[in-house]
Amino acid sequence: MSESIKLKIYGRNYSVKKDAFSVDPEEVASLVNAKMRELSDAGGINSTADLAILAALNIAHEFLDSKQKDGKINQLDENCVDSMIEALEKGLKT
């Protein structure tokens, strides 16, 4: 049985399976939280769901921009982005 861990993103707690991440899940949560805070501080967005979607879009944009510049995908980066997207999707369903 897979171990569950608690992650806190934007003031909400999420329980996720630790083995669902190929990278440090707390680092993933920290990145998502920071992006949501950055967007919130910029103003104009009140919905947590909207912030989560915009954070996912921004993180995906940064990843794809980096990918294009490097001309290749680093597998670790791809797994990190996949894990972040999965965590956001799970969070939006709760």
N, C-alpha and C. Protein backbone atom coordinates (compact mmCIF):
# COMPACT_ATOMS: atom_id res chain seq x y z
N MET A 1 0.84 -1.19 0.00
CA MET A 1 0.00 0.00 0.00
C MET A 1 0.88 1.25 0.00
N SER A 2 0.50 2.20 -0.78
CA SER A 2 1.26 3.42 -0.95
C SER A 2 1.05 4.38 0.22
N GLU A 3 2.13 5.02 0.62
CA GLU A 3 2.07 5.98 1.72
C GLU A 3 1.48 7.30 1.24
N SER A 4 0.54 7.84 2.02
CA SER A 4 -0.03 9.15 1.71
C SER A 4 0.70 10.21 2.50
N ILE A 5 0.83 11.37 1.88
CA ILE A 5 1.43 12.50 2.57
C ILE A 5 0.49 13.69 2.44
N LYS A 6 0.64 14.63 3.35
CA LYS A 6 -0.18 15.84 3.34
C LYS A 6 0.63 16.98 2.74
N LEU A 7 0.00 17.66 1.80
CA LEU A 7 0.61 18.84 1.19
C LEU A 7 -0.33 20.01 1.39
N LYS A 8 0.23 21.18 1.64
CA LYS A 8 -0.58 22.38 1.80
C LYS A 8 -0.28 23.32 0.64
N ILE A 9 -1.33 23.62 -0.11
CA ILE A 9 -1.21 24.52 -1.25
C ILE A 9 -2.28 25.59 -1.12
N TYR A 10 -1.86 26.82 -1.09
CA TYR A 10 -2.76 27.97 -1.03
C TYR A 10 -3.78 27.85 0.11
N GLY A 11 -3.27 27.42 1.26
CA GLY A 11 -4.10 27.34 2.45
C GLY A 11 -4.97 26.11 2.57
N ARG A 12 -4.91 25.23 1.59
CA ARG A 12 -5.72 24.00 1.64
C ARG A 12 -4.81 22.79 1.75
N ASN A 13 -5.27 21.81 2.51
CA ASN A 13 -4.51 20.58 2.69
C ASN A 13 -4.97 19.53 1.69
N TYR A 14 -4.00 18.83 1.14
CA TYR A 14 -4.28 17.77 0.18
C TYR A 14 -3.53 16.52 0.62
N SER A 15 -4.20 15.40 0.52
CA SER A 15 -3.58 14.12 0.81
C SER A 15 -3.29 13.45 -0.53
N VAL A 16 -2.03 13.16 -0.78
CA VAL A 16 -1.63 12.55 -2.05
C VAL A 16 -0.74 11.35 -1.78
N LYS A 17 -0.72 10.44 -2.72
CA LYS A 17 0.14 9.27 -2.60
C LYS A 17 1.57 9.67 -2.95
N LYS A 18 2.47 9.36 -2.03
CA LYS A 18 3.86 9.76 -2.20
C LYS A 18 4.49 9.15 -3.44
N ASP A 19 4.13 7.91 -3.77
CA ASP A 19 4.74 7.26 -4.92
C ASP A 19 4.19 7.76 -6.25
N ALA A 20 3.22 8.68 -6.22
CA ALA A 20 2.70 9.29 -7.46
C ALA A 20 3.68 10.33 -7.99
N PHE A 21 4.68 10.68 -7.20
CA PHE A 21 5.65 11.71 -7.57
C PHE A 21 7.01 11.08 -7.83
N SER A 22 7.65 11.50 -8.90
CA SER A 22 9.01 11.05 -9.17
C SER A 22 10.03 12.07 -8.63
N VAL A 23 9.52 13.17 -8.13
CA VAL A 23 10.35 14.21 -7.51
C VAL A 23 9.76 14.51 -6.14
N ASP A 24 10.43 15.36 -5.38
CA ASP A 24 9.97 15.70 -4.03
C ASP A 24 8.60 16.37 -4.09
N PRO A 25 7.56 15.72 -3.54
CA PRO A 25 6.21 16.30 -3.61
C PRO A 25 6.10 17.64 -2.89
N GLU A 26 6.88 17.85 -1.85
CA GLU A 26 6.83 19.13 -1.15
C GLU A 26 7.40 20.25 -2.01
N GLU A 27 8.39 19.93 -2.82
CA GLU A 27 8.94 20.91 -3.75
C GLU A 27 7.92 21.27 -4.83
N VAL A 28 7.19 20.26 -5.29
CA VAL A 28 6.13 20.48 -6.28
C VAL A 28 5.06 21.39 -5.68
N ALA A 29 4.62 21.06 -4.46
CA ALA A 29 3.59 21.86 -3.79
C ALA A 29 4.07 23.29 -3.57
N SER A 30 5.33 23.44 -3.21
CA SER A 30 5.89 24.77 -2.99
C SER A 30 5.88 25.60 -4.27
N LEU A 31 6.21 24.98 -5.39
CA LEU A 31 6.20 25.68 -6.67
C LEU A 31 4.79 26.12 -7.05
N VAL A 32 3.83 25.21 -6.89
CA VAL A 32 2.43 25.53 -7.22
C VAL A 32 1.92 26.63 -6.29
N ASN A 33 2.21 26.51 -5.00
CA ASN A 33 1.78 27.51 -4.03
C ASN A 33 2.37 28.88 -4.36
N ALA A 34 3.65 28.92 -4.68
CA ALA A 34 4.30 30.19 -5.01
C ALA A 34 3.68 30.82 -6.25
N LYS A 35 3.38 30.02 -7.25
CA LYS A 35 2.79 30.56 -8.48
C LYS A 35 1.38 31.09 -8.19
N MET A 36 0.60 30.37 -7.38
CA MET A 36 -0.74 30.85 -7.05
C MET A 36 -0.66 32.15 -6.25
N ARG A 37 0.27 32.25 -5.32
CA ARG A 37 0.44 33.48 -4.53
C ARG A 37 0.86 34.64 -5.43
N GLU A 38 1.76 34.37 -6.36
CA GLU A 38 2.21 35.40 -7.30
C GLU A 38 1.03 35.95 -8.10
N LEU A 39 0.19 35.05 -8.60
CA LEU A 39 -0.97 35.48 -9.38
C LEU A 39 -1.99 36.21 -8.51
N SER A 40 -2.17 35.74 -7.28
CA SER A 40 -3.11 36.38 -6.36
C SER A 40 -2.63 37.79 -6.01
N ASP A 41 -1.34 37.93 -5.77
CA ASP A 41 -0.77 39.24 -5.42
C ASP A 41 -0.89 40.23 -6.56
N ALA A 42 -0.91 39.72 -7.80
CA ALA A 42 -1.05 40.59 -8.97
C ALA A 42 -2.45 41.19 -9.03
N GLY A 43 -3.41 40.55 -8.34
CA GLY A 43 -4.77 41.08 -8.23
C GLY A 43 -5.70 40.67 -9.34
N GLY A 44 -6.98 40.85 -9.07
CA GLY A 44 -8.00 40.63 -10.08
C GLY A 44 -8.57 39.22 -10.14
N ILE A 45 -7.99 38.29 -9.40
CA ILE A 45 -8.49 36.91 -9.42
C ILE A 45 -8.89 36.53 -8.00
N ASN A 46 -10.17 36.22 -7.83
CA ASN A 46 -10.67 35.88 -6.50
C ASN A 46 -10.93 34.39 -6.32
N SER A 47 -11.17 33.70 -7.40
CA SER A 47 -11.51 32.28 -7.33
C SER A 47 -10.25 31.42 -7.20
N THR A 48 -10.25 30.54 -6.20
CA THR A 48 -9.12 29.63 -6.03
C THR A 48 -8.99 28.71 -7.23
N ALA A 49 -10.11 28.27 -7.78
CA ALA A 49 -10.07 27.41 -8.96
C ALA A 49 -9.43 28.15 -10.14
N ASP A 50 -9.80 29.41 -10.33
CA ASP A 50 -9.20 30.20 -11.41
C ASP A 50 -7.70 30.39 -11.19
N LEU A 51 -7.31 30.64 -9.94
CA LEU A 51 -5.89 30.77 -9.63
C LEU A 51 -5.14 29.47 -9.94
N ALA A 52 -5.74 28.34 -9.59
CA ALA A 52 -5.11 27.04 -9.84
C ALA A 52 -4.92 26.79 -11.33
N ILE A 53 -5.96 27.10 -12.12
CA ILE A 53 -5.87 26.91 -13.57
C ILE A 53 -4.82 27.84 -14.16
N LEU A 54 -4.82 29.10 -13.76
CA LEU A 54 -3.83 30.05 -14.27
C LEU A 54 -2.42 29.67 -13.84
N ALA A 55 -2.28 29.16 -12.62
CA ALA A 55 -0.96 28.69 -12.17
C ALA A 55 -0.50 27.53 -13.03
N ALA A 56 -1.40 26.59 -13.31
CA ALA A 56 -1.05 25.45 -14.16
C ALA A 56 -0.64 25.92 -15.56
N LEU A 57 -1.39 26.87 -16.10
CA LEU A 57 -1.05 27.40 -17.42
C LEU A 57 0.31 28.09 -17.41
N ASN A 58 0.58 28.88 -16.37
CA ASN A 58 1.87 29.57 -16.27
C ASN A 58 3.02 28.59 -16.13
N ILE A 59 2.85 27.59 -15.29
CA ILE A 59 3.90 26.59 -15.09
C ILE A 59 4.13 25.80 -16.38
N ALA A 60 3.05 25.42 -17.05
CA ALA A 60 3.18 24.70 -18.32
C ALA A 60 3.87 25.57 -19.37
N HIS A 61 3.51 26.86 -19.40
CA HIS A 61 4.16 27.78 -20.34
C HIS A 61 5.66 27.88 -20.07
N GLU A 62 6.03 28.03 -18.80
CA GLU A 62 7.44 28.11 -18.45
C GLU A 62 8.17 26.83 -18.85
N PHE A 63 7.54 25.69 -18.62
CA PHE A 63 8.13 24.41 -18.98
C PHE A 63 8.33 24.30 -20.49
N LEU A 64 7.28 24.61 -21.25
CA LEU A 64 7.36 24.48 -22.70
C LEU A 64 8.34 25.49 -23.30
N ASP A 65 8.39 26.69 -22.72
CA ASP A 65 9.35 27.68 -23.17
C ASP A 65 10.78 27.18 -22.95
N SER A 66 11.01 26.61 -21.79
CA SER A 66 12.32 26.04 -21.48
C SER A 66 12.64 24.88 -22.41
N LYS A 67 11.64 24.06 -22.66
CA LYS A 67 11.81 22.91 -23.56
C LYS A 67 12.21 23.39 -24.96
N GLN A 68 11.53 24.41 -25.43
CA GLN A 68 11.81 24.93 -26.76
C GLN A 68 13.23 25.50 -26.83
N LYS A 69 13.63 26.20 -25.78
CA LYS A 69 14.97 26.78 -25.76
C LYS A 69 16.05 25.71 -25.70
N ASP A 70 15.79 24.66 -24.95
CA ASP A 70 16.77 23.57 -24.82
C ASP A 70 16.72 22.61 -26.00
N GLY A 71 15.59 22.58 -26.68
CA GLY A 71 15.44 21.68 -27.81
C GLY A 71 15.20 20.24 -27.42
N LYS A 72 15.07 19.99 -26.14
CA LYS A 72 14.78 18.63 -25.68
C LYS A 72 14.15 18.68 -24.30
N ILE A 73 13.48 17.61 -23.94
CA ILE A 73 12.83 17.52 -22.64
C ILE A 73 13.73 16.75 -21.69
N ASN A 74 13.95 17.31 -20.54
CA ASN A 74 14.61 16.59 -19.48
C ASN A 74 13.53 15.74 -18.81
N GLN A 75 13.70 14.44 -18.77
CA GLN A 75 12.66 13.53 -18.25
C GLN A 75 12.25 13.91 -16.84
N LEU A 76 13.19 14.33 -16.02
CA LEU A 76 12.86 14.72 -14.65
C LEU A 76 11.93 15.92 -14.64
N ASP A 77 12.18 16.91 -15.49
CA ASP A 77 11.31 18.08 -15.58
C ASP A 77 9.92 17.68 -16.05
N GLU A 78 9.85 16.79 -17.03
CA GLU A 78 8.55 16.35 -17.55
C GLU A 78 7.76 15.65 -16.45
N ASN A 79 8.42 14.79 -15.68
CA ASN A 79 7.73 14.10 -14.59
C ASN A 79 7.27 15.07 -13.52
N CYS A 80 8.05 16.10 -13.26
CA CYS A 80 7.68 17.11 -12.27
C CYS A 80 6.42 17.85 -12.71
N VAL A 81 6.38 18.26 -13.96
CA VAL A 81 5.21 18.96 -14.49
C VAL A 81 3.99 18.04 -14.46
N ASP A 82 4.16 16.78 -14.86
CA ASP A 82 3.06 15.83 -14.82
C ASP A 82 2.52 15.68 -13.40
N SER A 83 3.42 15.60 -12.42
CA SER A 83 3.01 15.48 -11.03
C SER A 83 2.26 16.71 -10.55
N MET A 84 2.72 17.90 -10.95
CA MET A 84 2.04 19.13 -10.56
C MET A 84 0.64 19.20 -11.16
N ILE A 85 0.52 18.84 -12.42
CA ILE A 85 -0.78 18.87 -13.08
C ILE A 85 -1.73 17.89 -12.41
N GLU A 86 -1.22 16.70 -12.10
CA GLU A 86 -2.06 15.70 -11.43
C GLU A 86 -2.52 16.20 -10.06
N ALA A 87 -1.62 16.82 -9.31
CA ALA A 87 -1.98 17.35 -7.99
C ALA A 87 -3.02 18.45 -8.11
N LEU A 88 -2.88 19.33 -9.10
CA LEU A 88 -3.86 20.39 -9.32
C LEU A 88 -5.21 19.81 -9.71
N GLU A 89 -5.21 18.82 -10.59
CA GLU A 89 -6.47 18.21 -11.00
C GLU A 89 -7.18 17.57 -9.82
N LYS A 90 -6.42 16.86 -8.97
CA LYS A 90 -7.01 16.25 -7.79
C LYS A 90 -7.56 17.31 -6.85
N GLY A 91 -6.82 18.41 -6.71
CA GLY A 91 -7.26 19.49 -5.82
C GLY A 91 -8.52 20.16 -6.30
N LEU A 92 -8.68 20.30 -7.60
CA LEU A 92 -9.86 20.95 -8.15
C LEU A 92 -11.10 20.07 -8.03
N LYS A 93 -10.91 18.76 -7.89
CA LYS A 93 -12.04 17.84 -7.77
C LYS A 93 -12.60 17.81 -6.36
N THR A 94 -11.83 18.34 -5.37
CA THR A 94 -12.30 18.30 -3.98
C THR A 94 -13.09 19.53 -3.65
